Every structure is written in C-alpha cells, then in structure tokens.
C-alpha atoms as a PDB file:
ATOM      1  CA  MET A   1       1.133 -16.195 -19.898  1.00  0.00           C
ATOM      2  CA  LYS A   2       2.656 -14.418 -22.904  1.00  0.00           C
ATOM      3  CA  ASN A   3      -0.383 -12.502 -24.371  1.00  0.00           C
ATOM      4  CA  PRO A   4      -0.564 -10.671 -27.572  1.00  0.00           C
ATOM      5  CA  SER A   5      -1.162  -6.903 -27.013  1.00  0.00           C
ATOM      6  CA  HIS A   6      -1.555  -5.650 -23.374  1.00  0.00           C
ATOM      7  CA  LYS A   7      -0.668  -3.574 -20.320  1.00  0.00           C
ATOM      8  CA  ILE A   8      -1.222  -5.870 -17.227  1.00  0.00           C
ATOM      9  CA  LEU A   9      -0.294  -5.762 -13.673  1.00  0.00           C
ATOM     10  CA  MET A  10      -0.186  -9.089 -11.586  1.00  0.00           C
ATOM     11  CA  PHE A  11       0.830  -9.962  -8.252  1.00  0.00           C
ATOM     12  CA  TYR A  12       1.761 -13.639  -7.526  1.00  0.00           C
ATOM     13  CA  GLY A  13       0.836 -15.719  -4.345  1.00  0.00           C
ATOM     14  CA  ILE A  14       2.706 -18.807  -4.643  1.00  0.00           C
ATOM     15  CA  ILE A  15       4.475 -20.231  -1.474  1.00  0.00           C
ATOM     16  CA  LEU A  16       8.102 -20.625  -2.772  1.00  0.00           C
ATOM     17  CA  MET A  17      10.025 -17.468  -2.289  1.00  0.00           C
ATOM     18  CA  SER A  18      13.044 -16.851  -4.762  1.00  0.00           C
ATOM     19  CA  ALA A  19      16.279 -16.479  -3.380  1.00  0.00           C
ATOM     20  CA  GLY A  20      16.873 -13.051  -4.881  1.00  0.00           C
ATOM     21  CA  ALA A  21      13.577 -11.971  -3.825  1.00  0.00           C
ATOM     22  CA  SER A  22      13.014  -8.518  -2.080  1.00  0.00           C
ATOM     23  CA  GLN A  23      11.924  -7.962   1.591  1.00  0.00           C
ATOM     24  CA  LEU A  24       8.892  -5.662   1.849  1.00  0.00           C
ATOM     25  CA  PRO A  25       8.794  -2.923   1.627  1.00  0.00           C
ATOM     26  CA  PHE A  26       9.853  -2.514  -1.621  1.00  0.00           C
ATOM     27  CA  VAL A  27      10.270   1.046  -3.133  1.00  0.00           C
ATOM     28  CA  GLU A  28      11.473   1.530  -6.915  1.00  0.00           C
ATOM     29  CA  THR A  29      11.598   4.886  -8.539  1.00  0.00           C
ATOM     30  CA  PHE A  30      14.172   4.115 -11.417  1.00  0.00           C
ATOM     31  CA  ASP A  31      16.400   7.061 -10.592  1.00  0.00           C
ATOM     32  CA  ALA A  32      20.147   7.038 -10.215  1.00  0.00           C
ATOM     33  CA  SER A  33      19.613   7.672  -6.471  1.00  0.00           C
ATOM     34  CA  ASN A  34      18.018   4.377  -6.163  1.00  0.00           C
ATOM     35  CA  GLY A  35      21.126   2.678  -7.831  1.00  0.00           C
ATOM     36  CA  VAL A  36      19.585   2.495 -11.057  1.00  0.00           C
ATOM     37  CA  ALA A  37      21.447   3.513 -14.486  1.00  0.00           C
ATOM     38  CA  VAL A  38      19.918   4.354 -17.774  1.00  0.00           C
ATOM     39  CA  GLY A  39      19.594   1.600 -19.923  1.00  0.00           C
ATOM     40  CA  ALA A  40      18.193  -2.024 -19.903  1.00  0.00           C
ATOM     41  CA  ILE A  41      16.717  -2.637 -16.488  1.00  0.00           C
ATOM     42  CA  ASP A  42      17.448  -6.165 -16.684  1.00  0.00           C
ATOM     43  CA  GLY A  43      19.515  -7.411 -13.757  1.00  0.00           C
ATOM     44  CA  GLN A  44      19.213  -3.904 -11.974  1.00  0.00           C
ATOM     45  CA  ASN A  45      17.829  -4.004  -8.358  1.00  0.00           C
ATOM     46  CA  GLY A  46      16.340  -7.422  -9.140  1.00  0.00           C
ATOM     47  CA  TRP A  47      14.336  -6.697 -12.115  1.00  0.00           C
ATOM     48  CA  VAL A  48      14.031  -9.455 -14.613  1.00  0.00           C
ATOM     49  CA  LEU A  49      13.374  -9.239 -18.159  1.00  0.00           C
ATOM     50  CA  GLU A  50      11.068 -11.987 -19.591  1.00  0.00           C
ATOM     51  CA  SER A  51      12.012 -10.880 -23.431  1.00  0.00           C
ATOM     52  CA  GLY A  52      11.744  -7.632 -25.732  1.00  0.00           C
ATOM     53  CA  THR A  53      12.647  -4.413 -24.352  1.00  0.00           C
ATOM     54  CA  ALA A  54      12.514  -2.512 -20.800  1.00  0.00           C
ATOM     55  CA  ASP A  55      14.705   0.247 -20.476  1.00  0.00           C
ATOM     56  CA  VAL A  56      15.273   3.072 -17.799  1.00  0.00           C
ATOM     57  CA  GLN A  57      15.263   6.198 -19.802  1.00  0.00           C
ATOM     58  CA  THR A  58      14.956  10.230 -18.792  1.00  0.00           C
ATOM     59  CA  GLY A  59      12.702  11.536 -21.640  1.00  0.00           C
ATOM     60  CA  VAL A  60       9.327  10.407 -19.652  1.00  0.00           C
ATOM     61  CA  VAL A  61       9.347  10.649 -16.077  1.00  0.00           C
ATOM     62  CA  THR A  62       7.144  11.786 -13.002  1.00  0.00           C
ATOM     63  CA  ASN A  63       8.484  13.382  -9.872  1.00  0.00           C
ATOM     64  CA  GLY A  64      12.167  11.824 -10.323  1.00  0.00           C
ATOM     65  CA  SER A  65      14.547  12.131 -13.160  1.00  0.00           C
ATOM     66  CA  GLN A  66      14.035   8.645 -14.816  1.00  0.00           C
ATOM     67  CA  ALA A  67      11.647   6.151 -15.377  1.00  0.00           C
ATOM     68  CA  LEU A  68      10.709   2.606 -16.902  1.00  0.00           C
ATOM     69  CA  GLU A  69      10.088   2.401 -20.714  1.00  0.00           C
ATOM     70  CA  ILE A  70       8.398  -1.198 -21.428  1.00  0.00           C
ATOM     71  CA  VAL A  71       7.879  -2.291 -25.081  1.00  0.00           C
ATOM     72  CA  THR A  72       6.743  -5.774 -26.303  1.00  0.00           C
ATOM     73  CA  THR A  73       7.853  -7.420 -22.841  1.00  0.00           C
ATOM     74  CA  GLU A  74       7.127  -8.245 -19.582  1.00  0.00           C
ATOM     75  CA  VAL A  75       9.351  -7.365 -16.297  1.00  0.00           C
ATOM     76  CA  ARG A  76       8.900  -9.138 -13.199  1.00  0.00           C
ATOM     77  CA  HIS A  77      10.511  -8.555  -9.603  1.00  0.00           C
ATOM     78  CA  ASP A  78      10.358 -11.198  -7.266  1.00  0.00           C
ATOM     79  CA  LEU A  79       9.190  -9.893  -3.652  1.00  0.00           C
ATOM     80  CA  SER A  80       9.096 -11.655   0.057  1.00  0.00           C
ATOM     81  CA  SER A  81       6.482 -11.171   2.828  1.00  0.00           C
ATOM     82  CA  SER A  82       4.922 -13.275   5.576  1.00  0.00           C
ATOM     83  CA  ASN A  83       2.336 -10.713   6.274  1.00  0.00           C
ATOM     84  CA  SER A  84      -1.195 -11.376   5.138  1.00  0.00           C
ATOM     85  CA  ALA A  85      -2.190  -7.720   3.390  1.00  0.00           C
ATOM     86  CA  VAL A  86      -0.014  -5.608   0.966  1.00  0.00           C
ATOM     87  CA  TRP A  87      -0.518  -1.988  -0.137  1.00  0.00           C
ATOM     88  CA  ILE A  88       0.665  -1.054  -3.332  1.00  0.00           C
ATOM     89  CA  SER A  89       1.097   2.274  -5.361  1.00  0.00           C
ATOM     90  CA  LEU A  90       2.637   2.811  -8.726  1.00  0.00           C
ATOM     91  CA  TYR A  91       2.448   5.440 -11.772  1.00  0.00           C
ATOM     92  CA  ALA A  92       1.691   4.342 -15.089  1.00  0.00           C
ATOM     93  CA  ARG A  93       1.557   6.232 -18.547  1.00  0.00           C
ATOM     94  CA  ILE A  94       0.363   4.535 -21.884  1.00  0.00           C
ATOM     95  CA  THR A  95       1.161   6.272 -25.281  1.00  0.00           C
ATOM     96  CA  ALA A  96      -1.700   4.294 -27.472  1.00  0.00           C
ATOM     97  CA  PRO A  97      -4.414   1.866 -26.698  1.00  0.00           C
ATOM     98  CA  PRO A  98      -3.362  -1.900 -26.634  1.00  0.00           C
ATOM     99  CA  ALA A  99      -4.052  -3.785 -30.256  1.00  0.00           C
ATOM    100  CA  SER A 100      -5.864  -6.436 -28.261  1.00  0.00           C
ATOM    101  CA  ASN A 101      -6.900  -8.070 -24.810  1.00  0.00           C
ATOM    102  CA  PRO A 102      -5.066 -10.663 -22.778  1.00  0.00           C
ATOM    103  CA  ASP A 103      -7.078 -14.352 -22.885  1.00  0.00           C
ATOM    104  CA  VAL A 104      -5.757 -15.341 -19.302  1.00  0.00           C
ATOM    105  CA  VAL A 105      -3.241 -14.973 -16.380  1.00  0.00           C
ATOM    106  CA  ALA A 106      -1.002 -17.295 -14.972  1.00  0.00           C
ATOM    107  CA  GLU A 107      -2.914 -20.048 -12.743  1.00  0.00           C
ATOM    108  CA  ASN A 108      -1.333 -18.666  -9.242  1.00  0.00           C
ATOM    109  CA  THR A 109      -2.042 -15.046  -9.883  1.00  0.00           C
ATOM    110  CA  SER A 110      -3.562 -13.434  -6.932  1.00  0.00           C
ATOM    111  CA  LEU A 111      -4.678 -10.148  -8.802  1.00  0.00           C
ATOM    112  CA  ALA A 112      -4.336  -8.708 -12.058  1.00  0.00           C
ATOM    113  CA  PHE A 113      -6.096  -5.771 -14.104  1.00  0.00           C
ATOM    114  CA  PHE A 114      -4.935  -4.217 -17.448  1.00  0.00           C
ATOM    115  CA  VAL A 115      -6.066  -1.495 -19.906  1.00  0.00           C
ATOM    116  CA  ASN A 116      -8.269  -2.805 -23.030  1.00  0.00           C
ATOM    117  CA  THR A 117      -8.539  -1.791 -26.516  1.00  0.00           C
ATOM    118  CA  ALA A 118     -10.976   0.984 -25.549  1.00  0.00           C
ATOM    119  CA  ARG A 119      -8.634   2.109 -22.857  1.00  0.00           C
ATOM    120  CA  TYR A 120     -11.129   1.015 -20.115  1.00  0.00           C
ATOM    121  CA  ILE A 121      -9.758  -0.287 -16.922  1.00  0.00           C
ATOM    122  CA  VAL A 122     -10.416  -4.314 -16.812  1.00  0.00           C
ATOM    123  CA  VAL A 123     -10.214  -6.178 -13.517  1.00  0.00           C
ATOM    124  CA  TYR A 124     -10.528  -9.854 -12.518  1.00  0.00           C
ATOM    125  CA  SER A 125     -12.925 -10.901 -10.005  1.00  0.00           C
ATOM    126  CA  ASN A 126     -11.872 -14.484  -9.643  1.00  0.00           C
ATOM    127  CA  THR A 127     -11.279 -15.388 -12.923  1.00  0.00           C
ATOM    128  CA  VAL A 128     -13.960 -13.014 -14.438  1.00  0.00           C
ATOM    129  CA  GLU A 129     -13.145 -10.194 -16.310  1.00  0.00           C
ATOM    130  CA  VAL A 130     -14.725  -7.148 -15.202  1.00  0.00           C
ATOM    131  CA  VAL A 131     -14.824  -3.612 -17.413  1.00  0.00           C
ATOM    132  CA  LEU A 132     -14.805  -0.530 -14.951  1.00  0.00           C
ATOM    133  CA  GLY A 133     -16.096   2.837 -16.179  1.00  0.00           C
ATOM    134  CA  ALA A 134     -12.653   4.329 -15.612  1.00  0.00           C
ATOM    135  CA  GLN A 135     -10.725   4.896 -18.837  1.00  0.00           C
ATOM    136  CA  MET A 136      -7.018   5.359 -18.838  1.00  0.00           C
ATOM    137  CA  PRO A 137      -5.917   8.583 -20.371  1.00  0.00           C
ATOM    138  CA  LEU A 138      -2.845   8.658 -23.042  1.00  0.00           C
ATOM    139  CA  ASP A 139       0.204  10.305 -22.439  1.00  0.00           C
ATOM    140  CA  ILE A 140      -0.644  11.123 -18.500  1.00  0.00           C
ATOM    141  CA  TRP A 141       0.881   9.578 -15.611  1.00  0.00           C
ATOM    142  CA  THR A 142      -1.981   8.146 -13.881  1.00  0.00           C
ATOM    143  CA  ARG A 143      -1.691   6.693 -10.165  1.00  0.00           C
ATOM    144  CA  PHE A 144      -3.047   3.398  -9.035  1.00  0.00           C
ATOM    145  CA  ASP A 145      -3.204   2.205  -5.597  1.00  0.00           C
ATOM    146  CA  ILE A 146      -4.294  -1.347  -4.501  1.00  0.00           C
ATOM    147  CA  TYR A 147      -4.935  -3.032  -1.348  1.00  0.00           C
ATOM    148  CA  CYS A 148      -4.812  -6.718  -1.191  1.00  0.00           C
ATOM    149  CA  ASP A 149      -5.998  -8.679   1.658  1.00  0.00           C
ATOM    150  CA  TYR A 150      -4.972 -12.609   1.854  1.00  0.00           C
ATOM    151  CA  ASP A 151      -6.882 -13.282   4.894  1.00  0.00           C
ATOM    152  CA  ASP A 152      -9.937 -12.340   3.368  1.00  0.00           C
ATOM    153  CA  GLY A 153      -9.329 -13.401  -0.253  1.00  0.00           C
ATOM    154  CA  TYR A 154      -9.853  -9.939  -1.838  1.00  0.00           C
ATOM    155  CA  TRP A 155      -8.664  -6.481  -3.399  1.00  0.00           C
ATOM    156  CA  ASP A 156      -9.306  -3.083  -4.274  1.00  0.00           C
ATOM    157  CA  LEU A 157      -8.036  -0.798  -6.812  1.00  0.00           C
ATOM    158  CA  ALA A 158      -8.039   3.058  -6.994  1.00  0.00           C
ATOM    159  CA  MET A 159      -6.841   5.105  -9.612  1.00  0.00           C
ATOM    160  CA  ASP A 160      -5.556   8.785  -9.070  1.00  0.00           C
ATOM    161  CA  GLY A 161      -7.081   8.631  -5.338  1.00  0.00           C
ATOM    162  CA  VAL A 162     -10.491   7.410  -6.193  1.00  0.00           C
ATOM    163  CA  ASN A 163     -11.787   3.918  -5.623  1.00  0.00           C
ATOM    164  CA  ILE A 164     -13.115   2.381  -8.762  1.00  0.00           C
ATOM    165  CA  ALA A 165     -13.186  -1.276  -7.677  1.00  0.00           C
ATOM    166  CA  ALA A 166     -13.549  -2.678  -4.064  1.00  0.00           C
ATOM    167  CA  GLY A 167     -13.955  -6.230  -2.571  1.00  0.00           C
ATOM    168  CA  LEU A 168     -12.862  -8.098  -5.682  1.00  0.00           C
ATOM    169  CA  PRO A 169     -12.214 -11.869  -5.160  1.00  0.00           C
ATOM    170  CA  LEU A 170      -8.533 -13.121  -5.555  1.00  0.00           C
ATOM    171  CA  TYR A 171      -8.081 -14.450  -8.919  1.00  0.00           C
ATOM    172  CA  ALA A 172      -6.808 -17.524  -7.233  1.00  0.00           C
ATOM    173  CA  ASP A 173      -6.360 -18.817  -3.759  1.00  0.00           C
ATOM    174  CA  SER A 174      -3.229 -17.091  -3.126  1.00  0.00           C
ATOM    175  CA  TRP A 175      -1.885 -16.780   0.664  1.00  0.00           C
ATOM    176  CA  LYS A 176       1.025 -14.161   0.207  1.00  0.00           C
ATOM    177  CA  VAL A 177       2.616 -12.012  -2.291  1.00  0.00           C
ATOM    178  CA  ASP A 178       5.706 -13.486  -4.317  1.00  0.00           C
ATOM    179  CA  SER A 179       6.321 -11.082  -7.554  1.00  0.00           C
ATOM    180  CA  LEU A 180       5.388  -8.318  -9.471  1.00  0.00           C
ATOM    181  CA  LEU A 181       4.575  -8.418 -13.010  1.00  0.00           C
ATOM    182  CA  LEU A 182       4.432  -5.425 -15.347  1.00  0.00           C
ATOM    183  CA  GLY A 183       3.896  -6.095 -18.952  1.00  0.00           C
ATOM    184  CA  ASN A 184       3.362  -4.543 -22.530  1.00  0.00           C
ATOM    185  CA  ALA A 185       3.113  -6.460 -25.344  1.00  0.00           C
ATOM    186  CA  SER A 186       2.277  -3.747 -27.728  1.00  0.00           C
ATOM    187  CA  ALA A 187       5.125  -1.656 -29.915  1.00  0.00           C
ATOM    188  CA  SER A 188       4.118   1.489 -28.377  1.00  0.00           C
ATOM    189  CA  SER A 189       5.640   2.432 -25.292  1.00  0.00           C
ATOM    190  CA  ALA A 190       4.186   2.178 -21.833  1.00  0.00           C
ATOM    191  CA  TYR A 191       5.829   3.635 -18.546  1.00  0.00           C
ATOM    192  CA  ALA A 192       5.974   2.781 -14.821  1.00  0.00           C
ATOM    193  CA  ASP A 193       7.426   4.795 -12.114  1.00  0.00           C
ATOM    194  CA  GLN A 194       7.334   5.228  -8.365  1.00  0.00           C
ATOM    195  CA  ILE A 195       6.205   1.657  -7.243  1.00  0.00           C
ATOM    196  CA  ASP A 196       5.866   1.058  -3.558  1.00  0.00           C
ATOM    197  CA  VAL A 197       4.965  -2.076  -2.187  1.00  0.00           C
ATOM    198  CA  ALA A 198       4.444  -2.729   1.777  1.00  0.00           C
ATOM    199  CA  ASP A 199       3.080  -5.181   3.897  1.00  0.00           C
ATOM    200  CA  MET A 200       2.414  -2.894   6.571  1.00  0.00           C
ATOM    201  CA  GLU A 201      -0.128   0.237   6.156  1.00  0.00           C
ATOM    202  CA  PRO A 202       1.696   3.089   4.600  1.00  0.00           C
ATOM    203  CA  THR A 203       1.330   6.732   5.653  1.00  0.00           C
ATOM    204  CA  ALA A 204      -2.483   7.386   5.825  1.00  0.00           C
ATOM    205  CA  THR A 205      -2.232  10.524   4.200  1.00  0.00           C
ATOM    206  CA  GLY A 206      -1.297   8.987   0.756  1.00  0.00           C
ATOM    207  CA  LEU A 207      -3.977   6.510   0.804  1.00  0.00           C
ATOM    208  CA  PRO A 208      -7.261   6.612  -1.012  1.00  0.00           C
ATOM    209  CA  ASP A 209     -10.372   8.228   0.760  1.00  0.00           C
ATOM    210  CA  SER A 210     -13.502   8.142  -1.223  1.00  0.00           C
ATOM    211  CA  ASP A 211     -15.189  10.156   1.372  1.00  0.00           C
ATOM    212  CA  ALA A 212     -12.503  12.238   2.299  1.00  0.00           C
ATOM    213  CA  ASP A 213     -13.195  11.511   6.142  1.00  0.00           C
ATOM    214  CA  ASN A 214      -9.461  10.642   7.134  1.00  0.00           C
ATOM    215  CA  ILE A 215     -10.267   7.047   7.139  1.00  0.00           C
ATOM    216  CA  PRO A 216      -9.011   5.243   4.197  1.00  0.00           C
ATOM    217  CA  ASP A 217     -10.815   3.107   2.057  1.00  0.00           C
ATOM    218  CA  TRP A 218      -9.029  -0.023   2.468  1.00  0.00           C
ATOM    219  CA  TRP A 219     -10.002   0.245   6.351  1.00  0.00           C
ATOM    220  CA  GLU A 220     -13.829   0.717   5.715  1.00  0.00           C
ATOM    221  CA  GLN A 221     -13.793  -1.795   3.156  1.00  0.00           C
ATOM    222  CA  LYS A 222     -12.067  -4.358   5.547  1.00  0.00           C
ATOM    223  CA  ASN A 223     -14.463  -3.896   8.377  1.00  0.00           C
ATOM    224  CA  PHE A 224     -17.747  -2.583   6.997  1.00  0.00           C
ATOM    225  CA  ASN A 225     -17.613  -3.724   3.100  1.00  0.00           C
ATOM    226  CA  GLY A 226     -17.811  -0.514   1.484  1.00  0.00           C
ATOM    227  CA  VAL A 227     -15.073   2.490   1.187  1.00  0.00           C
ATOM    228  CA  THR A 228     -17.743   4.941   2.528  1.00  0.00           C
ATOM    229  CA  ALA A 229     -19.295   2.641   4.688  1.00  0.00           C
ATOM    230  CA  VAL A 230     -19.010   4.490   8.073  1.00  0.00           C
ATOM    231  CA  VAL A 231     -19.240   8.112   9.741  1.00  0.00           C
ATOM    232  CA  ALA A 232     -15.964   9.046  11.124  1.00  0.00           C
ATOM    233  CA  SER A 233     -17.541  10.844  13.705  1.00  0.00           C
ATOM    234  CA  ASN A 234     -20.451   8.185  15.024  1.00  0.00           C
ATOM    235  CA  LEU A 235     -19.212   6.029  17.805  1.00  0.00           C
ATOM    236  CA  SER A 236     -18.118   2.582  17.522  1.00  0.00           C
ATOM    237  CA  ALA A 237     -20.492   0.408  19.578  1.00  0.00           C
ATOM    238  CA  ASN A 238     -17.468  -1.715  20.851  1.00  0.00           C
ATOM    239  CA  THR A 239     -14.353   0.563  21.466  1.00  0.00           C
ATOM    240  CA  GLY A 240     -16.569   3.646  22.520  1.00  0.00           C
ATOM    241  CA  TYR A 241     -14.279   5.766  20.395  1.00  0.00           C
ATOM    242  CA  THR A 242     -15.524   7.631  17.066  1.00  0.00           C
ATOM    243  CA  TYR A 243     -14.500   5.310  13.966  1.00  0.00           C
ATOM    244  CA  LEU A 244     -11.739   7.824  13.189  1.00  0.00           C
ATOM    245  CA  GLN A 245     -10.260   7.605  16.624  1.00  0.00           C
ATOM    246  CA  THR A 246     -10.748   3.579  16.612  1.00  0.00           C
ATOM    247  CA  TYR A 247      -8.586   3.585  12.997  1.00  0.00           C
ATOM    248  CA  ILE A 248      -6.127   6.205  14.482  1.00  0.00           C
ATOM    249  CA  ALA A 249      -5.588   3.960  17.572  1.00  0.00           C
ATOM    250  CA  GLY A 250      -5.053   1.107  15.429  1.00  0.00           C
ATOM    251  CA  LEU A 251      -7.942  -0.815  16.971  1.00  0.00           C
ATOM    252  CA  SER A 252     -10.483  -3.250  15.571  1.00  0.00           C
ATOM    253  CA  PRO A 253     -13.800  -1.533  15.286  1.00  0.00           C
ATOM    254  CA  PHE A 254     -15.342  -5.123  16.652  1.00  0.00           C
ATOM    255  CA  SER A 255     -13.406  -5.738  19.701  1.00  0.00           C
ATOM    256  CA  ASP A 256     -13.815  -3.999  23.159  1.00  0.00           C
ATOM    257  CA  GLU A 257     -10.392  -4.626  23.892  1.00  0.00           C
ATOM    258  CA  PRO A 258      -9.126  -0.488  24.730  1.00  0.00           C
ATOM    259  CA  PHE A 259      -5.863   0.772  23.773  1.00  0.00           C
ATOM    260  CA  VAL A 260      -3.381  -0.361  26.634  1.00  0.00           C
ATOM    261  CA  VAL A 261      -0.637   1.807  27.874  1.00  0.00           C
ATOM    262  CA  SER A 262       1.260   0.372  30.783  1.00  0.00           C
ATOM    263  CA  GLN A 263       3.726   1.449  33.290  1.00  0.00           C
ATOM    264  CA  VAL A 264       7.296   0.767  33.011  1.00  0.00           C
ATOM    265  CA  PRO A 265       9.401  -0.956  35.736  1.00  0.00           C
ATOM    266  CA  GLY A 266      10.360   1.677  38.555  1.00  0.00           C
ATOM    267  CA  GLY A 267       7.160   4.045  37.307  1.00  0.00           C
ATOM    268  CA  ASN A 268       9.163   6.379  35.251  1.00  0.00           C
ATOM    269  CA  GLY A 269       7.468   6.199  32.031  1.00  0.00           C
ATOM    270  CA  MET A 270       5.155   3.796  30.012  1.00  0.00           C
ATOM    271  CA  ASN A 271       5.084   1.458  26.745  1.00  0.00           C
ATOM    272  CA  TRP A 272       2.364   0.375  24.365  1.00  0.00           C
ATOM    273  CA  THR A 273       1.889  -1.627  21.528  1.00  0.00           C
ATOM    274  CA  PRO A 274       2.537   0.350  18.269  1.00  0.00           C
ATOM    275  CA  PHE A 275       0.706   0.369  15.162  1.00  0.00           C
ATOM    276  CA  PRO A 276       2.242   1.269  11.489  1.00  0.00           C
ATOM    277  CA  SER A 277       2.435   4.731  10.423  1.00  0.00           C
ATOM    278  CA  ARG A 278       1.460   6.431  13.752  1.00  0.00           C
ATOM    279  CA  LEU A 279       3.091   9.092  15.669  1.00  0.00           C
ATOM    280  CA  TYR A 280       3.334   8.746  19.761  1.00  0.00           C
ATOM    281  CA  SER A 281       3.580  12.071  21.708  1.00  0.00           C
ATOM    282  CA  VAL A 282       3.953  11.711  25.636  1.00  0.00           C
ATOM    283  CA  TYR A 283       3.218  14.490  27.729  1.00  0.00           C
ATOM    284  CA  TRP A 284       3.999  14.551  31.574  1.00  0.00           C
ATOM    285  CA  SER A 285       2.006  16.812  34.421  1.00  0.00           C
ATOM    286  CA  SER A 286       2.703  16.852  38.155  1.00  0.00           C
ATOM    287  CA  ASN A 287      -0.942  17.026  38.919  1.00  0.00           C
ATOM    288  CA  LEU A 288      -3.759  17.038  36.800  1.00  0.00           C
ATOM    289  CA  LEU A 289      -5.101  20.678  37.367  1.00  0.00           C
ATOM    290  CA  ASP A 290      -2.058  22.563  35.902  1.00  0.00           C
ATOM    291  CA  GLY A 291      -2.080  20.982  32.346  1.00  0.00           C
ATOM    292  CA  PHE A 292       0.324  18.721  30.532  1.00  0.00           C
ATOM    293  CA  VAL A 293       3.774  19.331  29.122  1.00  0.00           C
ATOM    294  CA  TRP A 294       4.847  17.936  26.057  1.00  0.00           C
ATOM    295  CA  GLN A 295       8.054  15.404  26.616  1.00  0.00           C
ATOM    296  CA  GLN A 296       8.811  13.634  23.319  1.00  0.00           C
ATOM    297  CA  ASP A 297       7.636  12.434  19.762  1.00  0.00           C
ATOM    298  CA  LEU A 298       8.031   8.687  19.044  1.00  0.00           C
ATOM    299  CA  PRO A 299       7.044   7.200  15.752  1.00  0.00           C
ATOM    300  CA  TYR A 300       6.432   3.666  14.647  1.00  0.00           C
ATOM    301  CA  PRO A 301       7.677   1.227  15.499  1.00  0.00           C
ATOM    302  CA  GLN A 302       9.148   2.978  18.910  1.00  0.00           C
ATOM    303  CA  SER A 303       6.845   1.656  22.031  1.00  0.00           C
ATOM    304  CA  GLU A 304       8.388   2.820  25.134  1.00  0.00           C
ATOM    305  CA  PHE A 305       8.916   5.910  26.576  1.00  0.00           C
ATOM    306  CA  ILE A 306      11.653   6.368  29.443  1.00  0.00           C
ATOM    307  CA  ASP A 307      11.572   9.651  31.748  1.00  0.00           C
ATOM    308  CA  THR A 308      14.751  10.940  32.701  1.00  0.00           C
ATOM    309  CA  ILE A 309      13.971  14.056  33.780  1.00  0.00           C
ATOM    310  CA  HIS A 310      11.251  13.510  36.448  1.00  0.00           C
ATOM    311  CA  THR A 311      12.834  10.795  38.274  1.00  0.00           C
ATOM    312  CA  ASN A 312      12.774  12.842  41.649  1.00  0.00           C
ATOM    313  CA  GLU A 313       9.224  14.117  41.552  1.00  0.00           C
ATOM    314  CA  PRO A 314       7.185  12.816  44.326  1.00  0.00           C
ATOM    315  CA  ALA A 315       4.037  12.350  41.806  1.00  0.00           C
ATOM    316  CA  GLY A 316       3.293  12.548  38.061  1.00  0.00           C
ATOM    317  CA  PHE A 317       0.768  11.665  35.242  1.00  0.00           C
ATOM    318  CA  TYR A 318       1.770  10.824  31.994  1.00  0.00           C
ATOM    319  CA  ARG A 319      -0.506  11.254  28.773  1.00  0.00           C
ATOM    320  CA  LEU A 320       0.231   9.483  25.497  1.00  0.00           C
ATOM    321  CA  LYS A 321      -1.496  11.110  22.097  1.00  0.00           C
ATOM    322  CA  VAL A 322      -1.675   8.962  19.046  1.00  0.00           C
ATOM    323  CA  GLN A 323      -1.879  10.720  15.532  1.00  0.00           C
ATOM    324  CA  LEU A 324      -1.122  10.097  12.031  1.00  0.00           C
END
C-alpha cells in the first residue's frame, strides 16, 4: 500500500470498525475552532500518521486559517456508519506533479483516485485505472465531491462542481465506509482542507449539479444512470409530480407511494416522514377560500407540528410545504 510517489484518496469498506472511529457526519477544517493545533496532525481529532510528515500549518489555507500539509506520508482517519451511501467533499492542492504513479491500492478499498505524473485525474473502475480528461492545477485549491453508493456498488466524482466520472464500479466488494486515507509520497508538499463526510444527503445547494436543474448529479445518476438524465420539469409517470418535485419531496421516482401527511391525535397538527436537508413549513387556514397563513418552519429531522394556537377553532386546514 506504500506507493512510491502519488497523491491518493481511498475509502475503505471493511466490516470491522475501529474503536476510535468517528461516527458520520465527520467534518474536519484543521482549524483551531475545530480543536486542531498547529503542528503534527498525528493524534489530533483521531488522525493517524502512517510515516513521514503531516503538519497543520497556517501559510497555505482555504476558507479557514489552517490546513493540512502532507509530505512523503499517508494519514488515516477511521470512520463509522451503518448507512449504505456516503457523500464526501474536500479541498486539495498540489505544488508539483508526482514523480511516479501508484501501482495498486489495498484490496479492501471502496474507491480511489489519484493525480498522475501529467497531473491528470486517474480513477479506479473496479481495479482498472482510467485516465480522465480533467487535469489538476498547480498551487490552486481544488474541490472534489464524491458520492459512493454501497447498495448499487458504484461511485461518482466531481471536480470544482463539474462531474468528471459517474457510475464507476467500486474497487472491491465493500459494503460501508471504514476509513479515509490521504497520501503523498512526494517530497513536494500537498495540502488538504475542509473535509466533509456524511452518510445522509448534505445541503443540496452544495452538491454537484451538471445541468443546473436543481437536481443533484448523485440523484440522477442513481435513479437514471446519468448525471443529466432527466428534465426537471417533466412529470414522473409514477409520482405524478415533476422530477424536481419528486426529488425535493424525497420520493422514489419509481414508486407511486405519495408523500404522506397524517393527523396527530386530537387533530391539532400533523406529522410526516422527514428527509435530510429539507425544510418543512406549516401553514393553517380556517377555510379554503381565504388562503393559508404561515405557522412554523421545521428543519430535518423534525417531523411533527403540534398546533397550540387554533385549539378552539370549529374547523381548520393545514398545508405542508417542503423545500431545500
């Protein structure tokens, strides 16, 4: 697993979890506000240094005041999740092309990509290396977004918000994330910052959306095998909503099960099944002619509204609005 000179990102999918693993979501900014001090990263916030040098420094940073510098080493952070999908984002920066390309990765790797000697991004499709047309710039922070689906056994990769690979088979027959590994065996510095790993959909406005239709790439790829595979305004044959409405409601486009809102005991309020990253706005009206008045906004994971204001009304109606 120690390859001569490369920058590489790996996600492991072995079953056994480390005792010190961080339950997702996991966020690492390498800043003092996140409990990280300038100096060696080994032992801070659960990071493990394999060898060489990996230091938190203040000279080359993104949005924060500190970032990780990696030289001739690999650093690992153990993660824990029982969910079957993972969303990852991180910023990376290199100062020189690597001297050589890696040969193999660990057998239990879920996914991996690296920057080759010509600075092109290379991904693994199963165990096959595929050179992409995207090239890593020098001395510029670059954002990578990854979606990993363990149920269907594939992963997607975006670079600076643009999808560069989708539907790649996982390297191994993994079933959930176990560790994150960042490596750079070169003597030239590589940097990492603003790492975010989640096992529930993050805020949709921050996810890659290749066709700018407000439906993220991961949803279109998962359901329709392409990151631009649906027209957001077209009606889904199963849900009766547009594809955009279907996505926002958290429904499967292949199921005719509706978004269910139920009356709470006593009748003064309602409950529903919430979906990550959604905001639920409750409205009330005494009749259907005068319009609805906003009552409360309830972000995920809240799933119930109890009305304590209109308890003495002879009749009333509620409306629930779902938005991102």
